[in-house]
Amino acid sequence: MKLKITELDLPHHWLPVVSSPEENSIRFHIEFDGSSFSKSCELIDISDEAIIFGPMT
């Protein structure tokens, strides 16, 4: 919600889910490719909040 890097390359990113249905949390695969999005993700702290939109299936 509070971006560490403010100039994002794209407004939305598709992130593959890597957690299993048995887990109590959701984990995503983020490729650290040098983009401003991945740089911002690298700087996330455990207490930071994020808004996630996605299809509900």
PDB file of N, CA and C in Angstrom:
ATOM      1  N   MET A   1       0.821  -1.181   0.000  1.00  0.00           N
ATOM      2  CA  MET A   1       0.000   0.000   0.000  1.00  0.00           C
ATOM      3  C   MET A   1       0.873   1.256   0.000  1.00  0.00           C
ATOM      4  N   LYS A   2       1.973   1.230   0.718  1.00  0.00           N
ATOM      5  CA  LYS A   2       2.919   2.343   0.682  1.00  0.00           C
ATOM      6  C   LYS A   2       4.120   1.868  -0.126  1.00  0.00           C
ATOM      7  N   LEU A   3       4.157   2.254  -1.400  1.00  0.00           N
ATOM      8  CA  LEU A   3       5.184   1.761  -2.305  1.00  0.00           C
ATOM      9  C   LEU A   3       6.570   2.220  -1.890  1.00  0.00           C
ATOM     10  N   LYS A   4       7.505   1.292  -1.938  1.00  0.00           N
ATOM     11  CA  LYS A   4       8.896   1.635  -1.642  1.00  0.00           C
ATOM     12  C   LYS A   4       9.532   2.284  -2.869  1.00  0.00           C
ATOM     13  N   ILE A   5       9.131   1.847  -4.046  1.00  0.00           N
ATOM     14  CA  ILE A   5       9.556   2.423  -5.320  1.00  0.00           C
ATOM     15  C   ILE A   5       8.305   3.010  -5.947  1.00  0.00           C
ATOM     16  N   THR A   6       8.278   4.295  -6.225  1.00  0.00           N
ATOM     17  CA  THR A   6       7.022   4.921  -6.637  1.00  0.00           C
ATOM     18  C   THR A   6       6.765   4.896  -8.141  1.00  0.00           C
ATOM     19  N   GLU A   7       7.778   4.690  -8.962  1.00  0.00           N
ATOM     20  CA  GLU A   7       7.584   4.653 -10.404  1.00  0.00           C
ATOM     21  C   GLU A   7       7.523   3.205 -10.863  1.00  0.00           C
ATOM     22  N   LEU A   8       6.319   2.634 -10.878  1.00  0.00           N
ATOM     23  CA  LEU A   8       6.168   1.239 -11.274  1.00  0.00           C
ATOM     24  C   LEU A   8       6.133   1.117 -12.786  1.00  0.00           C
ATOM     25  N   ASP A   9       6.685   0.006 -13.298  1.00  0.00           N
ATOM     26  CA  ASP A   9       6.725  -0.235 -14.735  1.00  0.00           C
ATOM     27  C   ASP A   9       5.324  -0.466 -15.302  1.00  0.00           C
ATOM     28  N   LEU A  10       4.512  -1.228 -14.598  1.00  0.00           N
ATOM     29  CA  LEU A  10       3.152  -1.553 -15.016  1.00  0.00           C
ATOM     30  C   LEU A  10       2.227  -1.408 -13.817  1.00  0.00           C
ATOM     31  N   PRO A  11       0.961  -1.057 -14.043  1.00  0.00           N
ATOM     32  CA  PRO A  11       0.060  -0.903 -12.902  1.00  0.00           C
ATOM     33  C   PRO A  11      -0.358  -2.232 -12.265  1.00  0.00           C
ATOM     34  N   HIS A  12      -0.312  -3.333 -13.042  1.00  0.00           N
ATOM     35  CA  HIS A  12      -0.739  -4.633 -12.525  1.00  0.00           C
ATOM     36  C   HIS A  12       0.277  -5.706 -12.908  1.00  0.00           C
ATOM     37  N   HIS A  13       0.440  -6.689 -12.057  1.00  0.00           N
ATOM     38  CA  HIS A  13       1.355  -7.797 -12.334  1.00  0.00           C
ATOM     39  C   HIS A  13       0.652  -9.098 -12.015  1.00  0.00           C
ATOM     40  N   TRP A  14       0.793 -10.083 -12.889  1.00  0.00           N
ATOM     41  CA  TRP A  14       0.282 -11.424 -12.622  1.00  0.00           C
ATOM     42  C   TRP A  14       1.302 -12.141 -11.762  1.00  0.00           C
ATOM     43  N   LEU A  15       0.864 -12.695 -10.644  1.00  0.00           N
ATOM     44  CA  LEU A  15       1.769 -13.407  -9.742  1.00  0.00           C
ATOM     45  C   LEU A  15       1.249 -14.820  -9.535  1.00  0.00           C
ATOM     46  N   PRO A  16       2.035 -15.836  -9.910  1.00  0.00           N
ATOM     47  CA  PRO A  16       1.607 -17.209  -9.674  1.00  0.00           C
ATOM     48  C   PRO A  16       1.539 -17.511  -8.176  1.00  0.00           C
ATOM     49  N   VAL A  17       0.482 -18.195  -7.764  1.00  0.00           N
ATOM     50  CA  VAL A  17       0.336 -18.627  -6.372  1.00  0.00           C
ATOM     51  C   VAL A  17       1.165 -19.892  -6.188  1.00  0.00           C
ATOM     52  N   VAL A  18       1.986 -19.929  -5.141  1.00  0.00           N
ATOM     53  CA  VAL A  18       2.814 -21.100  -4.882  1.00  0.00           C
ATOM     54  C   VAL A  18       2.438 -21.806  -3.579  1.00  0.00           C
ATOM     55  N   SER A  19       1.474 -21.261  -2.849  1.00  0.00           N
ATOM     56  CA  SER A  19       1.048 -21.918  -1.608  1.00  0.00           C
ATOM     57  C   SER A  19       0.010 -22.994  -1.933  1.00  0.00           C
ATOM     58  N   SER A  20      -0.140 -23.912  -1.022  1.00  0.00           N
ATOM     59  CA  SER A  20      -1.116 -24.996  -1.205  1.00  0.00           C
ATOM     60  C   SER A  20      -2.408 -24.653  -0.458  1.00  0.00           C
ATOM     61  N   PRO A  21      -3.530 -25.294  -0.815  1.00  0.00           N
ATOM     62  CA  PRO A  21      -4.801 -25.020  -0.140  1.00  0.00           C
ATOM     63  C   PRO A  21      -4.771 -25.319   1.364  1.00  0.00           C
ATOM     64  N   GLU A  22      -3.848 -26.156   1.814  1.00  0.00           N
ATOM     65  CA  GLU A  22      -3.760 -26.506   3.231  1.00  0.00           C
ATOM     66  C   GLU A  22      -3.072 -25.430   4.071  1.00  0.00           C
ATOM     67  N   GLU A  23      -2.413 -24.484   3.420  1.00  0.00           N
ATOM     68  CA  GLU A  23      -1.689 -23.439   4.147  1.00  0.00           C
ATOM     69  C   GLU A  23      -2.639 -22.346   4.634  1.00  0.00           C
ATOM     70  N   ASN A  24      -2.248 -21.681   5.715  1.00  0.00           N
ATOM     71  CA  ASN A  24      -3.041 -20.585   6.283  1.00  0.00           C
ATOM     72  C   ASN A  24      -2.674 -19.223   5.709  1.00  0.00           C
ATOM     73  N   SER A  25      -1.739 -19.208   4.789  1.00  0.00           N
ATOM     74  CA  SER A  25      -1.330 -17.950   4.164  1.00  0.00           C
ATOM     75  C   SER A  25      -1.203 -18.164   2.659  1.00  0.00           C
ATOM     76  N   ILE A  26      -1.149 -17.063   1.936  1.00  0.00           N
ATOM     77  CA  ILE A  26      -0.987 -17.122   0.485  1.00  0.00           C
ATOM     78  C   ILE A  26       0.429 -16.666   0.152  1.00  0.00           C
ATOM     79  N   ARG A  27       1.118 -17.482  -0.633  1.00  0.00           N
ATOM     80  CA  ARG A  27       2.467 -17.137  -1.086  1.00  0.00           C
ATOM     81  C   ARG A  27       2.448 -17.010  -2.598  1.00  0.00           C
ATOM     82  N   PHE A  28       3.199 -16.042  -3.105  1.00  0.00           N
ATOM     83  CA  PHE A  28       3.283 -15.791  -4.538  1.00  0.00           C
ATOM     84  C   PHE A  28       4.719 -15.941  -5.008  1.00  0.00           C
ATOM     85  N   HIS A  29       4.890 -16.282  -6.271  1.00  0.00           N
ATOM     86  CA  HIS A  29       6.217 -16.311  -6.883  1.00  0.00           C
ATOM     87  C   HIS A  29       6.463 -14.949  -7.515  1.00  0.00           C
ATOM     88  N   ILE A  30       7.526 -14.272  -7.108  1.00  0.00           N
ATOM     89  CA  ILE A  30       7.887 -12.974  -7.671  1.00  0.00           C
ATOM     90  C   ILE A  30       9.292 -13.098  -8.241  1.00  0.00           C
ATOM     91  N   GLU A  31       9.408 -12.886  -9.548  1.00  0.00           N
ATOM     92  CA  GLU A  31      10.709 -12.960 -10.194  1.00  0.00           C
ATOM     93  C   GLU A  31      11.424 -11.625 -10.008  1.00  0.00           C
ATOM     94  N   PHE A  32      12.587 -11.664  -9.397  1.00  0.00           N
ATOM     95  CA  PHE A  32      13.353 -10.443  -9.166  1.00  0.00           C
ATOM     96  C   PHE A  32      14.207 -10.177 -10.404  1.00  0.00           C
ATOM     97  N   ASP A  33      13.629  -9.369 -11.300  1.00  0.00           N
ATOM     98  CA  ASP A  33      14.225  -9.140 -12.613  1.00  0.00           C
ATOM     99  C   ASP A  33      14.779  -7.724 -12.788  1.00  0.00           C
ATOM    100  N   GLY A  34      14.842  -6.972 -11.722  1.00  0.00           N
ATOM    101  CA  GLY A  34      15.366  -5.616 -11.807  1.00  0.00           C
ATOM    102  C   GLY A  34      14.320  -4.562 -12.124  1.00  0.00           C
ATOM    103  N   SER A  35      13.056  -4.983 -12.353  1.00  0.00           N
ATOM    104  CA  SER A  35      11.998  -4.010 -12.613  1.00  0.00           C
ATOM    105  C   SER A  35      11.698  -3.236 -11.333  1.00  0.00           C
ATOM    106  N   SER A  36      11.045  -2.092 -11.481  1.00  0.00           N
ATOM    107  CA  SER A  36      10.714  -1.319 -10.282  1.00  0.00           C
ATOM    108  C   SER A  36       9.719  -2.077  -9.410  1.00  0.00           C
ATOM    109  N   PHE A  37       8.857  -2.906 -10.014  1.00  0.00           N
ATOM    110  CA  PHE A  37       7.928  -3.722  -9.230  1.00  0.00           C
ATOM    111  C   PHE A  37       8.701  -4.715  -8.355  1.00  0.00           C
ATOM    112  N   SER A  38       9.647  -5.435  -8.951  1.00  0.00           N
ATOM    113  CA  SER A  38      10.390  -6.414  -8.156  1.00  0.00           C
ATOM    114  C   SER A  38      11.278  -5.725  -7.121  1.00  0.00           C
ATOM    115  N   LYS A  39      11.817  -4.558  -7.453  1.00  0.00           N
ATOM    116  CA  LYS A  39      12.611  -3.811  -6.474  1.00  0.00           C
ATOM    117  C   LYS A  39      11.750  -3.412  -5.282  1.00  0.00           C
ATOM    118  N   SER A  40      10.507  -2.983  -5.553  1.00  0.00           N
ATOM    119  CA  SER A  40       9.593  -2.618  -4.472  1.00  0.00           C
ATOM    120  C   SER A  40       9.271  -3.843  -3.621  1.00  0.00           C
ATOM    121  N   CYS A  41       9.075  -4.993  -4.262  1.00  0.00           N
ATOM    122  CA  CYS A  41       8.782  -6.227  -3.524  1.00  0.00           C
ATOM    123  C   CYS A  41       9.960  -6.650  -2.650  1.00  0.00           C
ATOM    124  N   GLU A  42      11.175  -6.447  -3.130  1.00  0.00           N
ATOM    125  CA  GLU A  42      12.357  -6.797  -2.346  1.00  0.00           C
ATOM    126  C   GLU A  42      12.427  -5.996  -1.048  1.00  0.00           C
ATOM    127  N   LEU A  43      11.842  -4.813  -1.026  1.00  0.00           N
ATOM    128  CA  LEU A  43      11.915  -3.927   0.132  1.00  0.00           C
ATOM    129  C   LEU A  43      10.735  -4.075   1.084  1.00  0.00           C
ATOM    130  N   ILE A  44       9.830  -5.029   0.810  1.00  0.00           N
ATOM    131  CA  ILE A  44       8.661  -5.223   1.665  1.00  0.00           C
ATOM    132  C   ILE A  44       9.096  -5.749   3.032  1.00  0.00           C
ATOM    133  N   ASP A  45       8.509  -5.191   4.072  1.00  0.00           N
ATOM    134  CA  ASP A  45       8.726  -5.674   5.432  1.00  0.00           C
ATOM    135  C   ASP A  45       7.556  -6.569   5.835  1.00  0.00           C
ATOM    136  N   ILE A  46       7.743  -7.416   6.823  1.00  0.00           N
ATOM    137  CA  ILE A  46       6.704  -8.343   7.265  1.00  0.00           C
ATOM    138  C   ILE A  46       5.429  -7.615   7.663  1.00  0.00           C
ATOM    139  N   SER A  47       5.513  -6.461   8.240  1.00  0.00           N
ATOM    140  CA  SER A  47       4.323  -5.745   8.711  1.00  0.00           C
ATOM    141  C   SER A  47       3.643  -4.906   7.624  1.00  0.00           C
ATOM    142  N   ASP A  48       4.234  -4.834   6.433  1.00  0.00           N
ATOM    143  CA  ASP A  48       3.636  -4.043   5.348  1.00  0.00           C
ATOM    144  C   ASP A  48       2.354  -4.703   4.855  1.00  0.00           C
ATOM    145  N   GLU A  49       1.434  -3.872   4.366  1.00  0.00           N
ATOM    146  CA  GLU A  49       0.153  -4.371   3.842  1.00  0.00           C
ATOM    147  C   GLU A  49       0.133  -4.242   2.332  1.00  0.00           C
ATOM    148  N   ALA A  50      -0.644  -5.105   1.692  1.00  0.00           N
ATOM    149  CA  ALA A  50      -0.796  -5.060   0.236  1.00  0.00           C
ATOM    150  C   ALA A  50      -2.267  -5.319  -0.101  1.00  0.00           C
ATOM    151  N   ILE A  51      -2.698  -4.792  -1.222  1.00  0.00           N
ATOM    152  CA  ILE A  51      -4.029  -5.080  -1.742  1.00  0.00           C
ATOM    153  C   ILE A  51      -3.851  -6.026  -2.924  1.00  0.00           C
ATOM    154  N   ILE A  52      -4.558  -7.129  -2.899  1.00  0.00           N
ATOM    155  CA  ILE A  52      -4.440  -8.136  -3.949  1.00  0.00           C
ATOM    156  C   ILE A  52      -5.796  -8.340  -4.585  1.00  0.00           C
ATOM    157  N   PHE A  53      -5.838  -8.209  -5.912  1.00  0.00           N
ATOM    158  CA  PHE A  53      -7.056  -8.455  -6.664  1.00  0.00           C
ATOM    159  C   PHE A  53      -6.839  -9.716  -7.489  1.00  0.00           C
ATOM    160  N   GLY A  54      -7.844 -10.491  -7.642  1.00  0.00           N
ATOM    161  CA  GLY A  54      -7.699 -11.675  -8.470  1.00  0.00           C
ATOM    162  C   GLY A  54      -9.008 -12.372  -8.692  1.00  0.00           C
ATOM    163  N   PRO A  55      -9.017 -13.272  -9.643  1.00  0.00           N
ATOM    164  CA  PRO A  55     -10.239 -14.035  -9.889  1.00  0.00           C
ATOM    165  C   PRO A  55     -10.536 -14.961  -8.714  1.00  0.00           C
ATOM    166  N   MET A  56     -11.770 -15.084  -8.396  1.00  0.00           N
ATOM    167  CA  MET A  56     -12.204 -15.961  -7.310  1.00  0.00           C
ATOM    168  C   MET A  56     -12.803 -17.215  -7.927  1.00  0.00           C
ATOM    169  N   THR A  57     -12.057 -18.308  -7.897  1.00  0.00           N
ATOM    170  CA  THR A  57     -12.550 -19.558  -8.474  1.00  0.00           C
ATOM    171  C   THR A  57     -12.736 -20.620  -7.425  1.00  0.00           C
TER     172      THR A  57
END
